[in-house]
Structures are given as structure tokens and as C-alpha cells.
């Protein structure tokens, strides 16, 4: 396994070793968990070369303290990468990605506007910028992103399409704990009581999907049902529950197309997101 820390080193490695081989790329901010491992496994299965990036991106954080508090577990992450036979780990320094005088950002498309975009202004601008820089450096054939961050996946797909990147963006199903809670680096910040309550998020999503499968087409009815269930969960504070089209994340007045239910909740200072895809009821 090779560890590369500078863009020019990555370019040199590509020119020397890529040839006509396919590259599967898994961009992360580190603090790897089982969800990331599934991304690595799929990338390795579908490509000749697997590249993992670890970079805590400062431009996607709205609050400096959140950036500083983000877990850095580099040694553990490298052991996980080696265990999965990753070919290259790309770990650029912040001043190489954002040198002094840096002024150019990528403005994301309309998929960035709702949901997370409302409460985290500038977040997806930072995501789009760093992913573009990573794509330009790694030059992957395929890039792998988890569906847990559904809006991020939609933003990147829109960006790849509109900027004509020759890259396939692969969405990978959310990996969950046995009790249904989505894998996330934030879960370690939950107290024992909060951790025991947090599976209610997925339970509410599954119940909502079952309601739609049974014939319900009103987003308001589905959202109100979820709200009642989550409001009864101790310490759970809802930020948003929205039902949007899968294609562009725009809100809908009736569930008559492939859609996704997206949710963000708080347990004290810990913010968790999740989602579930739904199909319109069969008539």
C-alpha cells in the first residue's frame, strides 16, 4: 500500500502505474467505519486499482469548532485500508488543497438547495469544490458514495453530469447496525441512553415506507405520522422531515414518483441524518 500526501506525487503515480487500468475511488474524511469498508470492498471488486482519500475538508464546515472536533483516527484508518488491500491512500495536507490566496470554488447545482442546504449554507459548495479537486487529481473511473448522505450523492451526480466528468458515480446502500441505526462517525458521540434511542430514526422511516406501500400518497400524512413517533422518543429533536423526488430532491405534493424520505434529528449536540427510498403505491 502506498501513502501519497501531495497532488504532484499522485499525478506521478498515475502516469507511472495506471496504464489502461480502471480506478475505483472512495473519498472520505477519515474516521472510517463499516460503511466505508463496504465502499472499499465494492470499489475493489469493480476496479483494477482502489484509491482511498482521507481529508477533513475545512470548507464544508459551517462552524470552525465542528471542523476542529471532527475525529482524526489516521493510524486506525491506515490499518483498515491495508486490511482491505487498498492500493493508494491519498492524504493531502490542507495547505496543498487550499494554498494561500485560494479563491476558486465550485458552486453546486439545485440539488444543494433544499434539506441540508437550508440549514448549512455553503456546505455543499465546500463539498463540490473538494470533490472536484480530488477527481482532478485521482482521475477515477468510478467514485463511490454512501446513500446515507443522499443529498451529497445527488449534488455530486449533478456536478459530474453538468461539468462533463468522465466518471461513474456509484451510490452504495446505507450500512446499518443490527438495530437499524445508520453507520456514522457521529454515533460515537451519543451517550448510552441516546444510542439506545437513536434506532427510532430508522424505525420511523421503515414505518413510513410501509404506509406508502399500503397506499398512502399524501406526504403530509406520512410526515405527520413520523413526527408523532419521533416526538415520543426521549431526547430526540426533529430538524426536518421531507419527502422529495429522487432525481432532483424537489418537494412533491403527492407521492406519484420515485421519492426519498429524508430526515435530520438532534440528540443534544449530536446531529444525525438518514433516509429511505420509496416508490409510488401500486394501483
C-alpha atoms as a PDB file:
ATOM      1  CA  UNK A   1       0.000   0.000   0.000  1.00  0.00           C
ATOM      2  CA  UNK A   2       1.291   3.450  -0.932  1.00  0.00           C
ATOM      3  CA  UNK A   3       0.537   6.600   1.063  1.00  0.00           C
ATOM      4  CA  UNK A   4       0.666   9.817  -1.002  1.00  0.00           C
ATOM      5  CA  UNK A   5       0.478  13.283   0.541  1.00  0.00           C
ATOM      6  CA  UNK A   6       0.922  15.723  -2.364  1.00  0.00           C
ATOM      7  CA  UNK A   7      -1.015  16.286  -5.613  1.00  0.00           C
ATOM      8  CA  UNK A   8       2.077  16.098  -7.815  1.00  0.00           C
ATOM      9  CA  UNK A   9       3.016  12.764  -6.256  1.00  0.00           C
ATOM     10  CA  UNK A  10      -0.455  11.472  -7.105  1.00  0.00           C
ATOM     11  CA  UNK A  11      -0.061  12.636 -10.704  1.00  0.00           C
ATOM     12  CA  UNK A  12       3.357  10.984 -10.923  1.00  0.00           C
ATOM     13  CA  UNK A  13       1.994   7.713  -9.588  1.00  0.00           C
ATOM     14  CA  UNK A  14      -0.885   7.797 -12.079  1.00  0.00           C
ATOM     15  CA  UNK A  15       1.426   8.385 -15.024  1.00  0.00           C
ATOM     16  CA  UNK A  16       3.746   5.575 -13.914  1.00  0.00           C
ATOM     17  CA  UNK A  17       1.341   2.839 -12.870  1.00  0.00           C
ATOM     18  CA  UNK A  18      -2.145   3.376 -14.213  1.00  0.00           C
ATOM     19  CA  UNK A  19      -1.754   2.292 -17.821  1.00  0.00           C
ATOM     20  CA  UNK A  20      -5.213   1.279 -19.019  1.00  0.00           C
ATOM     21  CA  UNK A  21      -6.382   0.117 -15.602  1.00  0.00           C
ATOM     22  CA  UNK A  22      -9.639   1.233 -14.001  1.00  0.00           C
ATOM     23  CA  UNK A  23      -9.533   3.179 -10.741  1.00  0.00           C
ATOM     24  CA  UNK A  24     -12.179   2.919  -8.043  1.00  0.00           C
ATOM     25  CA  UNK A  25     -12.103   5.933  -5.734  1.00  0.00           C
ATOM     26  CA  UNK A  26     -13.536   6.251  -2.222  1.00  0.00           C
ATOM     27  CA  UNK A  27     -13.273   9.842  -0.918  1.00  0.00           C
ATOM     28  CA  UNK A  28     -13.620  10.153   2.867  1.00  0.00           C
ATOM     29  CA  UNK A  29     -12.830  12.432   5.773  1.00  0.00           C
ATOM     30  CA  UNK A  30     -11.389   9.513   7.716  1.00  0.00           C
ATOM     31  CA  UNK A  31     -12.769   8.098  10.968  1.00  0.00           C
ATOM     32  CA  UNK A  32     -13.522   5.019   8.886  1.00  0.00           C
ATOM     33  CA  UNK A  33     -16.301   2.636   9.907  1.00  0.00           C
ATOM     34  CA  UNK A  34     -18.048  -0.403   8.457  1.00  0.00           C
ATOM     35  CA  UNK A  35     -19.934   1.750   5.951  1.00  0.00           C
ATOM     36  CA  UNK A  36     -16.670   2.970   4.452  1.00  0.00           C
ATOM     37  CA  UNK A  37     -15.380  -0.592   4.380  1.00  0.00           C
ATOM     38  CA  UNK A  38     -18.329  -1.633   2.194  1.00  0.00           C
ATOM     39  CA  UNK A  39     -17.459   1.197  -0.210  1.00  0.00           C
ATOM     40  CA  UNK A  40     -13.869  -0.044  -0.355  1.00  0.00           C
ATOM     41  CA  UNK A  41     -14.974  -3.621  -0.946  1.00  0.00           C
ATOM     42  CA  UNK A  42     -17.227  -2.637  -3.839  1.00  0.00           C
ATOM     43  CA  UNK A  43     -14.552  -0.391  -5.354  1.00  0.00           C
ATOM     44  CA  UNK A  44     -12.031  -3.195  -5.163  1.00  0.00           C
ATOM     45  CA  UNK A  45     -14.451  -5.701  -6.687  1.00  0.00           C
ATOM     46  CA  UNK A  46     -15.283  -3.477  -9.666  1.00  0.00           C
ATOM     47  CA  UNK A  47     -11.876  -1.952 -10.487  1.00  0.00           C
ATOM     48  CA  UNK A  48      -8.229  -2.802 -11.059  1.00  0.00           C
ATOM     49  CA  UNK A  49      -6.936  -0.170  -8.629  1.00  0.00           C
ATOM     50  CA  UNK A  50      -8.513   1.144  -5.419  1.00  0.00           C
ATOM     51  CA  UNK A  51      -7.723   4.632  -4.126  1.00  0.00           C
ATOM     52  CA  UNK A  52      -8.911   5.911  -0.739  1.00  0.00           C
ATOM     53  CA  UNK A  53      -8.617   9.575   0.176  1.00  0.00           C
ATOM     54  CA  UNK A  54      -8.591  10.871   3.740  1.00  0.00           C
ATOM     55  CA  UNK A  55      -9.008  14.618   4.056  1.00  0.00           C
ATOM     56  CA  UNK A  56     -11.003  16.571   6.623  1.00  0.00           C
ATOM     57  CA  UNK A  57     -12.265  19.348   4.385  1.00  0.00           C
ATOM     58  CA  UNK A  58     -12.446  22.714   6.181  1.00  0.00           C
ATOM     59  CA  UNK A  59     -14.605  24.428   3.551  1.00  0.00           C
ATOM     60  CA  UNK A  60     -17.644  22.219   4.171  1.00  0.00           C
ATOM     61  CA  UNK A  61     -17.938  23.051   7.870  1.00  0.00           C
ATOM     62  CA  UNK A  62     -20.142  25.971   8.879  1.00  0.00           C
ATOM     63  CA  UNK A  63     -18.627  26.199  12.350  1.00  0.00           C
ATOM     64  CA  UNK A  64     -14.873  26.125  12.980  1.00  0.00           C
ATOM     65  CA  UNK A  65     -15.324  24.218  16.235  1.00  0.00           C
ATOM     66  CA  UNK A  66     -17.072  21.398  14.340  1.00  0.00           C
ATOM     67  CA  UNK A  67     -14.090  21.149  11.997  1.00  0.00           C
ATOM     68  CA  UNK A  68     -11.687  21.041  14.917  1.00  0.00           C
ATOM     69  CA  UNK A  69     -13.791  18.443  16.764  1.00  0.00           C
ATOM     70  CA  UNK A  70     -14.088  16.094  13.789  1.00  0.00           C
ATOM     71  CA  UNK A  71     -12.392  12.807  14.772  1.00  0.00           C
ATOM     72  CA  UNK A  72      -8.934  12.161  13.322  1.00  0.00           C
ATOM     73  CA  UNK A  73      -8.005   8.473  13.526  1.00  0.00           C
ATOM     74  CA  UNK A  74      -5.253   8.265  10.921  1.00  0.00           C
ATOM     75  CA  UNK A  75      -3.340   5.252  12.219  1.00  0.00           C
ATOM     76  CA  UNK A  76      -6.512   3.215  12.596  1.00  0.00           C
ATOM     77  CA  UNK A  77      -7.727   4.321   9.162  1.00  0.00           C
ATOM     78  CA  UNK A  78      -4.469   3.207   7.552  1.00  0.00           C
ATOM     79  CA  UNK A  79      -4.752  -0.202   9.213  1.00  0.00           C
ATOM     80  CA  UNK A  80      -8.279  -0.571   7.807  1.00  0.00           C
ATOM     81  CA  UNK A  81      -7.071   0.458   4.351  1.00  0.00           C
ATOM     82  CA  UNK A  82      -4.246  -2.047   4.469  1.00  0.00           C
ATOM     83  CA  UNK A  83      -6.625  -4.765   5.645  1.00  0.00           C
ATOM     84  CA  UNK A  84      -8.734  -4.152   2.532  1.00  0.00           C
ATOM     85  CA  UNK A  85      -5.704  -4.168   0.223  1.00  0.00           C
ATOM     86  CA  UNK A  86      -6.186  -0.557  -0.843  1.00  0.00           C
ATOM     87  CA  UNK A  87      -3.558   0.311  -3.440  1.00  0.00           C
ATOM     88  CA  UNK A  88      -3.168   4.016  -2.674  1.00  0.00           C
ATOM     89  CA  UNK A  89      -4.182   6.189   0.265  1.00  0.00           C
ATOM     90  CA  UNK A  90      -4.200   9.858  -0.696  1.00  0.00           C
ATOM     91  CA  UNK A  91      -3.832  12.124   2.351  1.00  0.00           C
ATOM     92  CA  UNK A  92      -3.114  15.658   1.139  1.00  0.00           C
ATOM     93  CA  UNK A  93      -2.182  18.450   3.515  1.00  0.00           C
ATOM     94  CA  UNK A  94      -4.697  21.262   3.896  1.00  0.00           C
ATOM     95  CA  UNK A  95      -2.299  23.921   2.603  1.00  0.00           C
ATOM     96  CA  UNK A  96      -1.784  21.900  -0.572  1.00  0.00           C
ATOM     97  CA  UNK A  97      -5.508  21.667  -1.258  1.00  0.00           C
ATOM     98  CA  UNK A  98      -6.198  25.275  -0.245  1.00  0.00           C
ATOM     99  CA  UNK A  99      -2.968  27.256  -0.697  1.00  0.00           C
ATOM    100  CA  UNK A 100      -2.685  30.856   0.442  1.00  0.00           C
ATOM    101  CA  UNK A 101      -4.673  33.112  -1.850  1.00  0.00           C
ATOM    102  CA  UNK A 102      -7.100  30.360  -2.865  1.00  0.00           C
ATOM    103  CA  UNK A 103     -10.167  31.960  -4.434  1.00  0.00           C
ATOM    104  CA  UNK A 104     -11.903  29.464  -6.733  1.00  0.00           C
ATOM    105  CA  UNK A 105     -14.922  27.471  -5.566  1.00  0.00           C
ATOM    106  CA  UNK A 106     -17.399  25.221  -7.357  1.00  0.00           C
ATOM    107  CA  UNK A 107     -20.993  26.359  -6.965  1.00  0.00           C
ATOM    108  CA  UNK A 108     -23.243  23.281  -6.686  1.00  0.00           C
ATOM    109  CA  UNK A 109     -26.456  22.846  -8.630  1.00  0.00           C
ATOM    110  CA  UNK A 110     -30.057  22.991  -7.484  1.00  0.00           C
ATOM    111  CA  UNK A 111     -29.811  19.644  -5.685  1.00  0.00           C
ATOM    112  CA  UNK A 112     -27.866  21.513  -2.985  1.00  0.00           C
ATOM    113  CA  UNK A 113     -30.651  23.982  -2.185  1.00  0.00           C
ATOM    114  CA  UNK A 114     -33.205  22.078  -0.026  1.00  0.00           C
ATOM    115  CA  UNK A 115     -32.768  19.928   3.090  1.00  0.00           C
ATOM    116  CA  UNK A 116     -29.160  20.236   4.311  1.00  0.00           C
ATOM    117  CA  UNK A 117     -28.655  23.289   2.133  1.00  0.00           C
ATOM    118  CA  UNK A 118     -31.169  25.321   4.128  1.00  0.00           C
ATOM    119  CA  UNK A 119     -29.516  24.845   7.492  1.00  0.00           C
ATOM    120  CA  UNK A 120     -25.897  24.556   6.363  1.00  0.00           C
ATOM    121  CA  UNK A 121     -25.259  27.386   3.887  1.00  0.00           C
ATOM    122  CA  UNK A 122     -22.053  26.876   1.945  1.00  0.00           C
ATOM    123  CA  UNK A 123     -21.707  23.241   2.967  1.00  0.00           C
ATOM    124  CA  UNK A 124     -22.221  21.777  -0.490  1.00  0.00           C
ATOM    125  CA  UNK A 125     -20.098  24.499  -2.044  1.00  0.00           C
ATOM    126  CA  UNK A 126     -17.251  23.110   0.028  1.00  0.00           C
ATOM    127  CA  UNK A 127     -18.170  19.529  -0.849  1.00  0.00           C
ATOM    128  CA  UNK A 128     -18.375  20.257  -4.585  1.00  0.00           C
ATOM    129  CA  UNK A 129     -15.050  22.087  -4.515  1.00  0.00           C
ATOM    130  CA  UNK A 130     -13.059  19.420  -2.698  1.00  0.00           C
ATOM    131  CA  UNK A 131     -14.590  16.553  -4.674  1.00  0.00           C
ATOM    132  CA  UNK A 132     -13.748  18.350  -7.925  1.00  0.00           C
ATOM    133  CA  UNK A 133     -10.149  18.804  -6.780  1.00  0.00           C
ATOM    134  CA  UNK A 134      -9.927  15.158  -5.744  1.00  0.00           C
ATOM    135  CA  UNK A 135     -11.456  13.977  -9.028  1.00  0.00           C
ATOM    136  CA  UNK A 136      -8.946  16.066 -10.985  1.00  0.00           C
ATOM    137  CA  UNK A 137      -6.055  14.611  -9.003  1.00  0.00           C
ATOM    138  CA  UNK A 138      -7.087  10.952  -8.732  1.00  0.00           C
ATOM    139  CA  UNK A 139      -8.810  10.725 -12.156  1.00  0.00           C
ATOM    140  CA  UNK A 140     -11.017   7.782 -11.155  1.00  0.00           C
ATOM    141  CA  UNK A 141     -13.083   5.553 -13.392  1.00  0.00           C
ATOM    142  CA  UNK A 142     -15.718   5.151 -10.680  1.00  0.00           C
ATOM    143  CA  UNK A 143     -16.314   7.047  -7.438  1.00  0.00           C
ATOM    144  CA  UNK A 144     -18.221   5.511  -4.538  1.00  0.00           C
ATOM    145  CA  UNK A 145     -20.508   7.341  -2.108  1.00  0.00           C
ATOM    146  CA  UNK A 146     -22.896   6.017   0.522  1.00  0.00           C
ATOM    147  CA  UNK A 147     -26.609   6.663   0.166  1.00  0.00           C
ATOM    148  CA  UNK A 148     -26.833   7.738   3.803  1.00  0.00           C
ATOM    149  CA  UNK A 149     -25.657  11.159   2.622  1.00  0.00           C
ATOM    150  CA  UNK A 150     -28.341  11.123  -0.065  1.00  0.00           C
ATOM    151  CA  UNK A 151     -28.206  14.813  -0.883  1.00  0.00           C
ATOM    152  CA  UNK A 152     -24.427  14.765  -1.180  1.00  0.00           C
ATOM    153  CA  UNK A 153     -24.741  11.908  -3.670  1.00  0.00           C
ATOM    154  CA  UNK A 154     -27.323  13.877  -5.676  1.00  0.00           C
ATOM    155  CA  UNK A 155     -25.158  17.015  -5.669  1.00  0.00           C
ATOM    156  CA  UNK A 156     -22.124  15.099  -6.911  1.00  0.00           C
ATOM    157  CA  UNK A 157     -24.102  13.298  -9.603  1.00  0.00           C
ATOM    158  CA  UNK A 158     -25.455  16.626 -10.846  1.00  0.00           C
ATOM    159  CA  UNK A 159     -21.975  18.154 -10.789  1.00  0.00           C
ATOM    160  CA  UNK A 160     -20.402  15.243 -12.676  1.00  0.00           C
ATOM    161  CA  UNK A 161     -23.123  15.433 -15.318  1.00  0.00           C
ATOM    162  CA  UNK A 162     -23.046  19.194 -15.825  1.00  0.00           C
ATOM    163  CA  UNK A 163     -19.238  19.533 -15.724  1.00  0.00           C
ATOM    164  CA  UNK A 164     -18.789  16.565 -18.090  1.00  0.00           C
ATOM    165  CA  UNK A 165     -16.585  14.482 -15.824  1.00  0.00           C
ATOM    166  CA  UNK A 166     -15.864  11.092 -17.375  1.00  0.00           C
ATOM    167  CA  UNK A 167     -16.578   9.368 -14.073  1.00  0.00           C
ATOM    168  CA  UNK A 168     -19.283   6.929 -12.988  1.00  0.00           C
ATOM    169  CA  UNK A 169     -20.748   7.913  -9.611  1.00  0.00           C
ATOM    170  CA  UNK A 170     -21.834   4.803  -7.710  1.00  0.00           C
ATOM    171  CA  UNK A 171     -24.324   5.075  -4.848  1.00  0.00           C
ATOM    172  CA  UNK A 172     -23.938   2.313  -2.258  1.00  0.00           C
ATOM    173  CA  UNK A 173     -26.699   1.244   0.122  1.00  0.00           C
ATOM    174  CA  UNK A 174     -26.514   2.511   3.687  1.00  0.00           C
ATOM    175  CA  UNK A 175     -24.775   0.160   6.107  1.00  0.00           C
ATOM    176  CA  UNK A 176     -26.588  -0.199   9.411  1.00  0.00           C
ATOM    177  CA  UNK A 177     -26.044  -1.582  12.873  1.00  0.00           C
ATOM    178  CA  UNK A 178     -28.130  -4.610  13.810  1.00  0.00           C
ATOM    179  CA  UNK A 179     -30.728  -2.310  15.391  1.00  0.00           C
ATOM    180  CA  UNK A 180     -31.089  -0.262  12.195  1.00  0.00           C
ATOM    181  CA  UNK A 181     -29.111   2.846  13.109  1.00  0.00           C
ATOM    182  CA  UNK A 182     -27.116   4.052  10.111  1.00  0.00           C
ATOM    183  CA  UNK A 183     -23.349   3.791  10.472  1.00  0.00           C
ATOM    184  CA  UNK A 184     -21.843   7.223  11.105  1.00  0.00           C
ATOM    185  CA  UNK A 185     -18.702   8.631  12.661  1.00  0.00           C
ATOM    186  CA  UNK A 186     -21.021  10.786  14.804  1.00  0.00           C
ATOM    187  CA  UNK A 187     -22.548   7.789  16.573  1.00  0.00           C
ATOM    188  CA  UNK A 188     -19.589   7.571  18.949  1.00  0.00           C
ATOM    189  CA  UNK A 189     -20.642  10.930  20.397  1.00  0.00           C
ATOM    190  CA  UNK A 190     -24.015   9.563  21.544  1.00  0.00           C
ATOM    191  CA  UNK A 191     -24.465   8.741  25.213  1.00  0.00           C
ATOM    192  CA  UNK A 192     -25.563   5.214  26.104  1.00  0.00           C
ATOM    193  CA  UNK A 193     -29.149   6.404  26.552  1.00  0.00           C
ATOM    194  CA  UNK A 194     -29.123   8.321  23.273  1.00  0.00           C
ATOM    195  CA  UNK A 195     -27.596   5.359  21.466  1.00  0.00           C
ATOM    196  CA  UNK A 196     -30.379   3.108  22.711  1.00  0.00           C
ATOM    197  CA  UNK A 197     -32.991   5.611  21.486  1.00  0.00           C
ATOM    198  CA  UNK A 198     -31.436   6.526  18.118  1.00  0.00           C
ATOM    199  CA  UNK A 199     -32.707   3.435  16.213  1.00  0.00           C
ATOM    200  CA  UNK A 200     -36.149   5.095  16.322  1.00  0.00           C
ATOM    201  CA  UNK A 201     -34.979   7.129  13.305  1.00  0.00           C
ATOM    202  CA  UNK A 202     -34.803   4.088  11.053  1.00  0.00           C
ATOM    203  CA  UNK A 203     -37.893   2.574  12.639  1.00  0.00           C
ATOM    204  CA  UNK A 204     -39.874   5.704  11.754  1.00  0.00           C
ATOM    205  CA  UNK A 205     -38.541   5.618   8.190  1.00  0.00           C
ATOM    206  CA  UNK A 206     -39.476   1.965   7.730  1.00  0.00           C
ATOM    207  CA  UNK A 207     -42.959   2.576   9.142  1.00  0.00           C
ATOM    208  CA  UNK A 208     -43.375   5.487   6.729  1.00  0.00           C
ATOM    209  CA  UNK A 209     -42.325   3.333   3.789  1.00  0.00           C
ATOM    210  CA  UNK A 210     -44.808   0.673   4.867  1.00  0.00           C
ATOM    211  CA  UNK A 211     -47.525   3.340   4.991  1.00  0.00           C
ATOM    212  CA  UNK A 212     -46.743   4.366   1.402  1.00  0.00           C
ATOM    213  CA  UNK A 213     -46.566   0.748   0.275  1.00  0.00           C
ATOM    214  CA  UNK A 214     -50.049   0.294   1.733  1.00  0.00           C
ATOM    215  CA  UNK A 215     -51.394   3.070  -0.498  1.00  0.00           C
ATOM    216  CA  UNK A 216     -50.808   6.407   1.240  1.00  0.00           C
ATOM    217  CA  UNK A 217     -49.886   9.151  -1.262  1.00  0.00           C
ATOM    218  CA  UNK A 218     -50.028  12.261   0.928  1.00  0.00           C
ATOM    219  CA  UNK A 219     -46.592  13.499   2.037  1.00  0.00           C
ATOM    220  CA  UNK A 220     -48.235  15.421   4.890  1.00  0.00           C
ATOM    221  CA  UNK A 221     -49.871  12.294   6.304  1.00  0.00           C
ATOM    222  CA  UNK A 222     -46.607  10.353   6.127  1.00  0.00           C
ATOM    223  CA  UNK A 223     -44.585  13.174   7.676  1.00  0.00           C
ATOM    224  CA  UNK A 224     -47.115  13.740  10.472  1.00  0.00           C
ATOM    225  CA  UNK A 225     -47.058  10.037  11.318  1.00  0.00           C
ATOM    226  CA  UNK A 226     -43.268  10.085  11.536  1.00  0.00           C
ATOM    227  CA  UNK A 227     -43.298  13.281  13.579  1.00  0.00           C
ATOM    228  CA  UNK A 228     -45.632  11.766  16.167  1.00  0.00           C
ATOM    229  CA  UNK A 229     -43.441   8.711  16.544  1.00  0.00           C
ATOM    230  CA  UNK A 230     -40.193  10.652  16.855  1.00  0.00           C
ATOM    231  CA  UNK A 231     -41.688  13.237  19.220  1.00  0.00           C
ATOM    232  CA  UNK A 232     -42.384  10.413  21.650  1.00  0.00           C
ATOM    233  CA  UNK A 233     -38.715   9.366  21.657  1.00  0.00           C
ATOM    234  CA  UNK A 234     -36.854  10.729  24.665  1.00  0.00           C
ATOM    235  CA  UNK A 235     -34.317  13.402  23.765  1.00  0.00           C
ATOM    236  CA  UNK A 236     -34.992  13.355  20.016  1.00  0.00           C
ATOM    237  CA  UNK A 237     -35.439  16.787  18.407  1.00  0.00           C
ATOM    238  CA  UNK A 238     -36.533  16.910  14.766  1.00  0.00           C
ATOM    239  CA  UNK A 239     -34.800  19.390  12.446  1.00  0.00           C
ATOM    240  CA  UNK A 240     -36.606  18.322   9.289  1.00  0.00           C
ATOM    241  CA  UNK A 241     -38.542  15.513   7.651  1.00  0.00           C
ATOM    242  CA  UNK A 242     -39.073  15.946   3.916  1.00  0.00           C
ATOM    243  CA  UNK A 243     -40.287  13.785   1.045  1.00  0.00           C
ATOM    244  CA  UNK A 244     -38.631  14.733  -2.242  1.00  0.00           C
ATOM    245  CA  UNK A 245     -38.125  13.369  -5.734  1.00  0.00           C
ATOM    246  CA  UNK A 246     -35.135  11.068  -6.066  1.00  0.00           C
ATOM    247  CA  UNK A 247     -33.997  12.727  -9.284  1.00  0.00           C
ATOM    248  CA  UNK A 248     -33.654  16.350  -8.167  1.00  0.00           C
ATOM    249  CA  UNK A 249     -34.663  16.438  -4.471  1.00  0.00           C
ATOM    250  CA  UNK A 250     -37.566  18.804  -5.130  1.00  0.00           C
ATOM    251  CA  UNK A 251     -40.582  18.611  -2.833  1.00  0.00           C
ATOM    252  CA  UNK A 252     -43.729  16.899  -4.064  1.00  0.00           C
ATOM    253  CA  UNK A 253     -47.412  17.400  -3.313  1.00  0.00           C
ATOM    254  CA  UNK A 254     -48.303  13.748  -3.847  1.00  0.00           C
ATOM    255  CA  UNK A 255     -46.259  10.568  -3.845  1.00  0.00           C
ATOM    256  CA  UNK A 256     -46.547   9.632  -7.513  1.00  0.00           C
ATOM    257  CA  UNK A 257     -42.894   9.160  -8.492  1.00  0.00           C
ATOM    258  CA  UNK A 258     -39.744   7.514  -7.081  1.00  0.00           C
ATOM    259  CA  UNK A 259     -39.088   9.572  -3.974  1.00  0.00           C
ATOM    260  CA  UNK A 260     -36.965   9.606  -0.850  1.00  0.00           C
ATOM    261  CA  UNK A 261     -37.847  10.459   2.729  1.00  0.00           C
ATOM    262  CA  UNK A 262     -35.019  12.470   4.285  1.00  0.00           C
ATOM    263  CA  UNK A 263     -34.664  13.230   7.964  1.00  0.00           C
ATOM    264  CA  UNK A 264     -32.341  15.118  10.291  1.00  0.00           C
ATOM    265  CA  UNK A 265     -32.654  14.925  14.078  1.00  0.00           C
ATOM    266  CA  UNK A 266     -30.672  16.028  17.096  1.00  0.00           C
ATOM    267  CA  UNK A 267     -29.792  14.248  20.299  1.00  0.00           C
ATOM    268  CA  UNK A 268     -28.452  17.159  22.366  1.00  0.00           C
ATOM    269  CA  UNK A 269     -25.414  18.292  20.330  1.00  0.00           C
ATOM    270  CA  UNK A 270     -25.276  15.246  18.045  1.00  0.00           C
ATOM    271  CA  UNK A 271     -26.944  15.642  14.658  1.00  0.00           C
ATOM    272  CA  UNK A 272     -27.928  12.506  12.726  1.00  0.00           C
ATOM    273  CA  UNK A 273     -29.323  12.159   9.206  1.00  0.00           C
ATOM    274  CA  UNK A 274     -30.934   9.219   7.441  1.00  0.00           C
ATOM    275  CA  UNK A 275     -33.284   8.460   4.575  1.00  0.00           C
ATOM    276  CA  UNK A 276     -35.254   5.756   2.819  1.00  0.00           C
ATOM    277  CA  UNK A 277     -36.217   5.436  -0.830  1.00  0.00           C
ATOM    278  CA  UNK A 278     -39.886   4.887  -1.653  1.00  0.00           C
ATOM    279  CA  UNK A 279     -41.883   4.077  -4.764  1.00  0.00           C
ATOM    280  CA  UNK A 280     -45.420   5.330  -5.509  1.00  0.00           C
ATOM    281  CA  UNK A 281     -48.160   2.938  -4.381  1.00  0.00           C
ATOM    282  CA  UNK A 282     -49.205   0.381  -6.961  1.00  0.00           C
ATOM    283  CA  UNK A 283     -52.781   0.874  -8.102  1.00  0.00           C
END
